[in-house]
Amino acid sequence: MVREESSGNSKYLKADLLDVIEIPEEGVAVMLFTTEEWDDKVLPIRIDITASFSIKKALGLVTFHRPLTHDLLVDLINSSMP
């Protein structure tokens, strides 16, 4: 799961998305990332609550009654590729 990639002198770890937690009263959400190397630690990243909906929809965690604008764009790009 964890992959170190070298780019010059720096190393990057590939982290997995653990959860997206919405905090409606503050209008924000927190994405929690983890890797096997971090044991029980997580990296929280605060995002806008509307972005959390789009991320959850892209991951298939929520459904919506109609496609969103970026869904239509993705479909358009995929349909034009051979």
N, C-alpha and C. Protein backbone atom coordinates (compact mmCIF):
# COMPACT_ATOMS: atom_id res chain seq x y z
N MET A 1 0.81 -1.19 0.00
CA MET A 1 0.00 0.00 0.00
C MET A 1 0.86 1.26 0.00
N VAL A 2 1.91 1.27 0.80
CA VAL A 2 2.77 2.44 0.89
C VAL A 2 3.83 2.34 -0.19
N ARG A 3 3.98 3.39 -0.94
CA ARG A 3 4.97 3.39 -1.99
C ARG A 3 5.81 4.64 -1.85
N GLU A 4 7.10 4.45 -1.71
CA GLU A 4 7.99 5.60 -1.65
C GLU A 4 8.42 5.93 -3.06
N GLU A 5 8.34 7.19 -3.38
CA GLU A 5 8.77 7.66 -4.68
C GLU A 5 9.82 8.72 -4.47
N SER A 6 10.90 8.59 -5.19
CA SER A 6 11.96 9.59 -5.08
C SER A 6 11.81 10.62 -6.18
N SER A 7 11.92 11.85 -5.80
CA SER A 7 11.89 12.94 -6.75
C SER A 7 12.97 13.91 -6.30
N GLY A 8 14.14 13.79 -6.91
CA GLY A 8 15.26 14.60 -6.44
C GLY A 8 15.73 14.08 -5.10
N ASN A 9 15.81 14.95 -4.11
CA ASN A 9 16.25 14.56 -2.78
C ASN A 9 15.10 14.28 -1.83
N SER A 10 13.88 14.44 -2.26
CA SER A 10 12.74 14.26 -1.35
C SER A 10 12.05 12.92 -1.62
N LYS A 11 11.38 12.40 -0.59
CA LYS A 11 10.63 11.16 -0.72
C LYS A 11 9.16 11.44 -0.45
N TYR A 12 8.31 10.74 -1.16
CA TYR A 12 6.87 10.87 -0.99
C TYR A 12 6.30 9.52 -0.58
N LEU A 13 5.29 9.54 0.25
CA LEU A 13 4.57 8.33 0.62
C LEU A 13 3.19 8.39 0.00
N LYS A 14 2.73 7.27 -0.53
CA LYS A 14 1.36 7.21 -1.03
C LYS A 14 0.47 6.87 0.16
N ALA A 15 -0.47 7.74 0.45
CA ALA A 15 -1.38 7.54 1.58
C ALA A 15 -2.75 7.11 1.07
N ASP A 16 -3.46 6.38 1.89
CA ASP A 16 -4.81 5.93 1.57
C ASP A 16 -5.83 6.81 2.30
N LEU A 17 -6.92 7.10 1.62
CA LEU A 17 -8.00 7.86 2.24
C LEU A 17 -8.74 6.95 3.20
N LEU A 18 -8.73 7.30 4.47
CA LEU A 18 -9.38 6.50 5.50
C LEU A 18 -10.86 6.87 5.65
N ASP A 19 -11.15 8.17 5.66
CA ASP A 19 -12.53 8.62 5.86
C ASP A 19 -12.65 10.09 5.50
N VAL A 20 -13.88 10.52 5.23
CA VAL A 20 -14.20 11.93 5.05
C VAL A 20 -15.29 12.24 6.06
N ILE A 21 -14.98 13.09 7.02
CA ILE A 21 -15.91 13.40 8.10
C ILE A 21 -16.41 14.83 7.92
N GLU A 22 -17.72 14.98 7.80
CA GLU A 22 -18.31 16.31 7.62
C GLU A 22 -18.65 16.92 8.97
N ILE A 23 -18.42 18.24 9.07
CA ILE A 23 -18.77 19.01 10.26
C ILE A 23 -19.70 20.12 9.79
N PRO A 24 -21.00 19.81 9.62
CA PRO A 24 -21.95 20.75 9.01
C PRO A 24 -22.06 22.09 9.74
N GLU A 25 -22.01 22.07 11.06
CA GLU A 25 -22.16 23.33 11.80
C GLU A 25 -21.02 24.31 11.52
N GLU A 26 -19.89 23.82 11.04
CA GLU A 26 -18.77 24.69 10.68
C GLU A 26 -18.63 24.85 9.17
N GLY A 27 -19.41 24.08 8.40
CA GLY A 27 -19.35 24.17 6.95
C GLY A 27 -18.08 23.60 6.36
N VAL A 28 -17.45 22.67 7.08
CA VAL A 28 -16.20 22.07 6.60
C VAL A 28 -16.27 20.55 6.74
N ALA A 29 -15.27 19.91 6.21
CA ALA A 29 -15.10 18.47 6.36
C ALA A 29 -13.62 18.21 6.57
N VAL A 30 -13.31 17.03 7.07
CA VAL A 30 -11.92 16.64 7.29
C VAL A 30 -11.70 15.31 6.59
N MET A 31 -10.69 15.29 5.72
CA MET A 31 -10.28 14.04 5.08
C MET A 31 -9.16 13.45 5.94
N LEU A 32 -9.25 12.15 6.22
CA LEU A 32 -8.25 11.49 7.03
C LEU A 32 -7.45 10.52 6.16
N PHE A 33 -6.14 10.73 6.09
CA PHE A 33 -5.26 9.87 5.31
C PHE A 33 -4.38 9.06 6.24
N THR A 34 -4.03 7.86 5.82
CA THR A 34 -3.16 7.01 6.62
C THR A 34 -2.28 6.17 5.71
N THR A 35 -1.23 5.61 6.27
CA THR A 35 -0.38 4.64 5.58
C THR A 35 -0.02 3.56 6.59
N GLU A 36 0.48 2.45 6.11
CA GLU A 36 0.90 1.37 7.00
C GLU A 36 2.05 1.82 7.88
N GLU A 37 2.89 2.70 7.39
CA GLU A 37 4.07 3.15 8.14
C GLU A 37 3.71 4.04 9.32
N TRP A 38 2.53 4.63 9.33
CA TRP A 38 2.16 5.56 10.39
C TRP A 38 1.49 4.89 11.57
N ASP A 39 1.35 3.57 11.55
CA ASP A 39 0.67 2.82 12.61
C ASP A 39 -0.75 3.36 12.80
N ASP A 40 -1.04 3.95 13.96
CA ASP A 40 -2.40 4.42 14.24
C ASP A 40 -2.55 5.93 14.05
N LYS A 41 -1.60 6.56 13.38
CA LYS A 41 -1.67 8.01 13.15
C LYS A 41 -2.36 8.30 11.82
N VAL A 42 -2.97 9.48 11.74
CA VAL A 42 -3.62 9.91 10.51
C VAL A 42 -3.20 11.34 10.18
N LEU A 43 -3.34 11.71 8.92
CA LEU A 43 -3.08 13.07 8.48
C LEU A 43 -4.43 13.70 8.16
N PRO A 44 -4.90 14.65 8.98
CA PRO A 44 -6.17 15.32 8.69
C PRO A 44 -5.96 16.50 7.74
N ILE A 45 -6.83 16.60 6.76
CA ILE A 45 -6.79 17.74 5.83
C ILE A 45 -8.19 18.34 5.81
N ARG A 46 -8.28 19.60 6.16
CA ARG A 46 -9.57 20.30 6.23
C ARG A 46 -9.95 20.79 4.84
N ILE A 47 -11.19 20.50 4.44
CA ILE A 47 -11.69 20.90 3.12
C ILE A 47 -13.08 21.50 3.26
N ASP A 48 -13.54 22.13 2.21
CA ASP A 48 -14.90 22.68 2.17
C ASP A 48 -15.91 21.53 2.12
N ILE A 49 -17.05 21.73 2.75
CA ILE A 49 -18.05 20.67 2.83
C ILE A 49 -18.59 20.28 1.45
N THR A 50 -18.64 21.23 0.50
CA THR A 50 -19.10 20.89 -0.84
C THR A 50 -18.08 19.99 -1.55
N ALA A 51 -16.81 20.20 -1.28
CA ALA A 51 -15.77 19.34 -1.85
C ALA A 51 -15.89 17.93 -1.28
N SER A 52 -16.27 17.83 -0.01
CA SER A 52 -16.39 16.50 0.59
C SER A 52 -17.50 15.69 -0.09
N PHE A 53 -18.58 16.36 -0.46
CA PHE A 53 -19.66 15.67 -1.17
C PHE A 53 -19.17 15.13 -2.51
N SER A 54 -18.43 15.96 -3.25
CA SER A 54 -17.92 15.54 -4.55
C SER A 54 -16.94 14.37 -4.41
N ILE A 55 -16.10 14.41 -3.39
CA ILE A 55 -15.15 13.32 -3.16
C ILE A 55 -15.88 12.04 -2.80
N LYS A 56 -16.86 12.14 -1.89
CA LYS A 56 -17.64 10.96 -1.51
C LYS A 56 -18.41 10.39 -2.71
N LYS A 57 -18.93 11.27 -3.56
CA LYS A 57 -19.66 10.82 -4.75
C LYS A 57 -18.71 10.11 -5.71
N ALA A 58 -17.53 10.65 -5.91
CA ALA A 58 -16.55 10.02 -6.80
C ALA A 58 -16.11 8.66 -6.28
N LEU A 59 -16.07 8.50 -4.97
CA LEU A 59 -15.68 7.22 -4.37
C LEU A 59 -16.84 6.24 -4.30
N GLY A 60 -18.04 6.68 -4.67
CA GLY A 60 -19.21 5.81 -4.63
C GLY A 60 -19.81 5.67 -3.24
N LEU A 61 -19.49 6.59 -2.35
CA LEU A 61 -20.00 6.51 -0.97
C LEU A 61 -21.36 7.17 -0.82
N VAL A 62 -21.72 8.06 -1.74
CA VAL A 62 -23.03 8.70 -1.74
C VAL A 62 -23.55 8.75 -3.18
N THR A 63 -24.85 8.87 -3.32
CA THR A 63 -25.45 9.02 -4.65
C THR A 63 -26.21 10.34 -4.69
N PHE A 64 -26.44 10.80 -5.89
CA PHE A 64 -27.17 12.04 -6.10
C PHE A 64 -28.13 11.81 -7.25
N HIS A 65 -29.25 12.47 -7.24
CA HIS A 65 -30.30 12.21 -8.23
C HIS A 65 -29.97 12.68 -9.65
N ARG A 66 -28.92 13.45 -9.80
CA ARG A 66 -28.52 13.89 -11.14
C ARG A 66 -27.00 14.00 -11.19
N PRO A 67 -26.41 13.97 -12.38
CA PRO A 67 -24.95 14.11 -12.47
C PRO A 67 -24.52 15.55 -12.16
N LEU A 68 -23.37 15.68 -11.56
CA LEU A 68 -22.80 17.00 -11.32
C LEU A 68 -22.01 17.43 -12.55
N THR A 69 -21.66 18.69 -12.62
CA THR A 69 -20.97 19.23 -13.80
C THR A 69 -19.70 18.45 -14.12
N HIS A 70 -18.89 18.16 -13.12
CA HIS A 70 -17.65 17.45 -13.41
C HIS A 70 -17.91 16.00 -13.84
N ASP A 71 -19.05 15.42 -13.43
CA ASP A 71 -19.41 14.08 -13.90
C ASP A 71 -19.67 14.11 -15.40
N LEU A 72 -20.35 15.14 -15.85
CA LEU A 72 -20.63 15.28 -17.28
C LEU A 72 -19.35 15.49 -18.07
N LEU A 73 -18.42 16.26 -17.52
CA LEU A 73 -17.14 16.50 -18.18
C LEU A 73 -16.34 15.19 -18.28
N VAL A 74 -16.32 14.42 -17.21
CA VAL A 74 -15.61 13.12 -17.23
C VAL A 74 -16.23 12.20 -18.28
N ASP A 75 -17.55 12.15 -18.34
CA ASP A 75 -18.23 11.32 -19.35
C ASP A 75 -17.89 11.78 -20.76
N LEU A 76 -17.84 13.09 -20.97
CA LEU A 76 -17.51 13.64 -22.28
C LEU A 76 -16.09 13.26 -22.69
N ILE A 77 -15.15 13.39 -21.76
CA ILE A 77 -13.75 13.05 -22.06
C ILE A 77 -13.60 11.56 -22.32
N ASN A 78 -14.25 10.74 -21.50
CA ASN A 78 -14.15 9.28 -21.69
C ASN A 78 -14.80 8.82 -22.99
N SER A 79 -15.86 9.49 -23.41
CA SER A 79 -16.53 9.08 -24.66
C SER A 79 -15.73 9.47 -25.91
N SER A 80 -14.85 10.47 -25.78
CA SER A 80 -14.07 10.91 -26.93
C SER A 80 -12.76 10.14 -27.07
N MET A 81 -12.43 9.31 -26.09
CA MET A 81 -11.19 8.53 -26.14
C MET A 81 -11.48 7.20 -26.82
N PRO A 82 -10.53 6.74 -27.66
CA PRO A 82 -10.75 5.46 -28.36
C PRO A 82 -10.71 4.28 -27.43
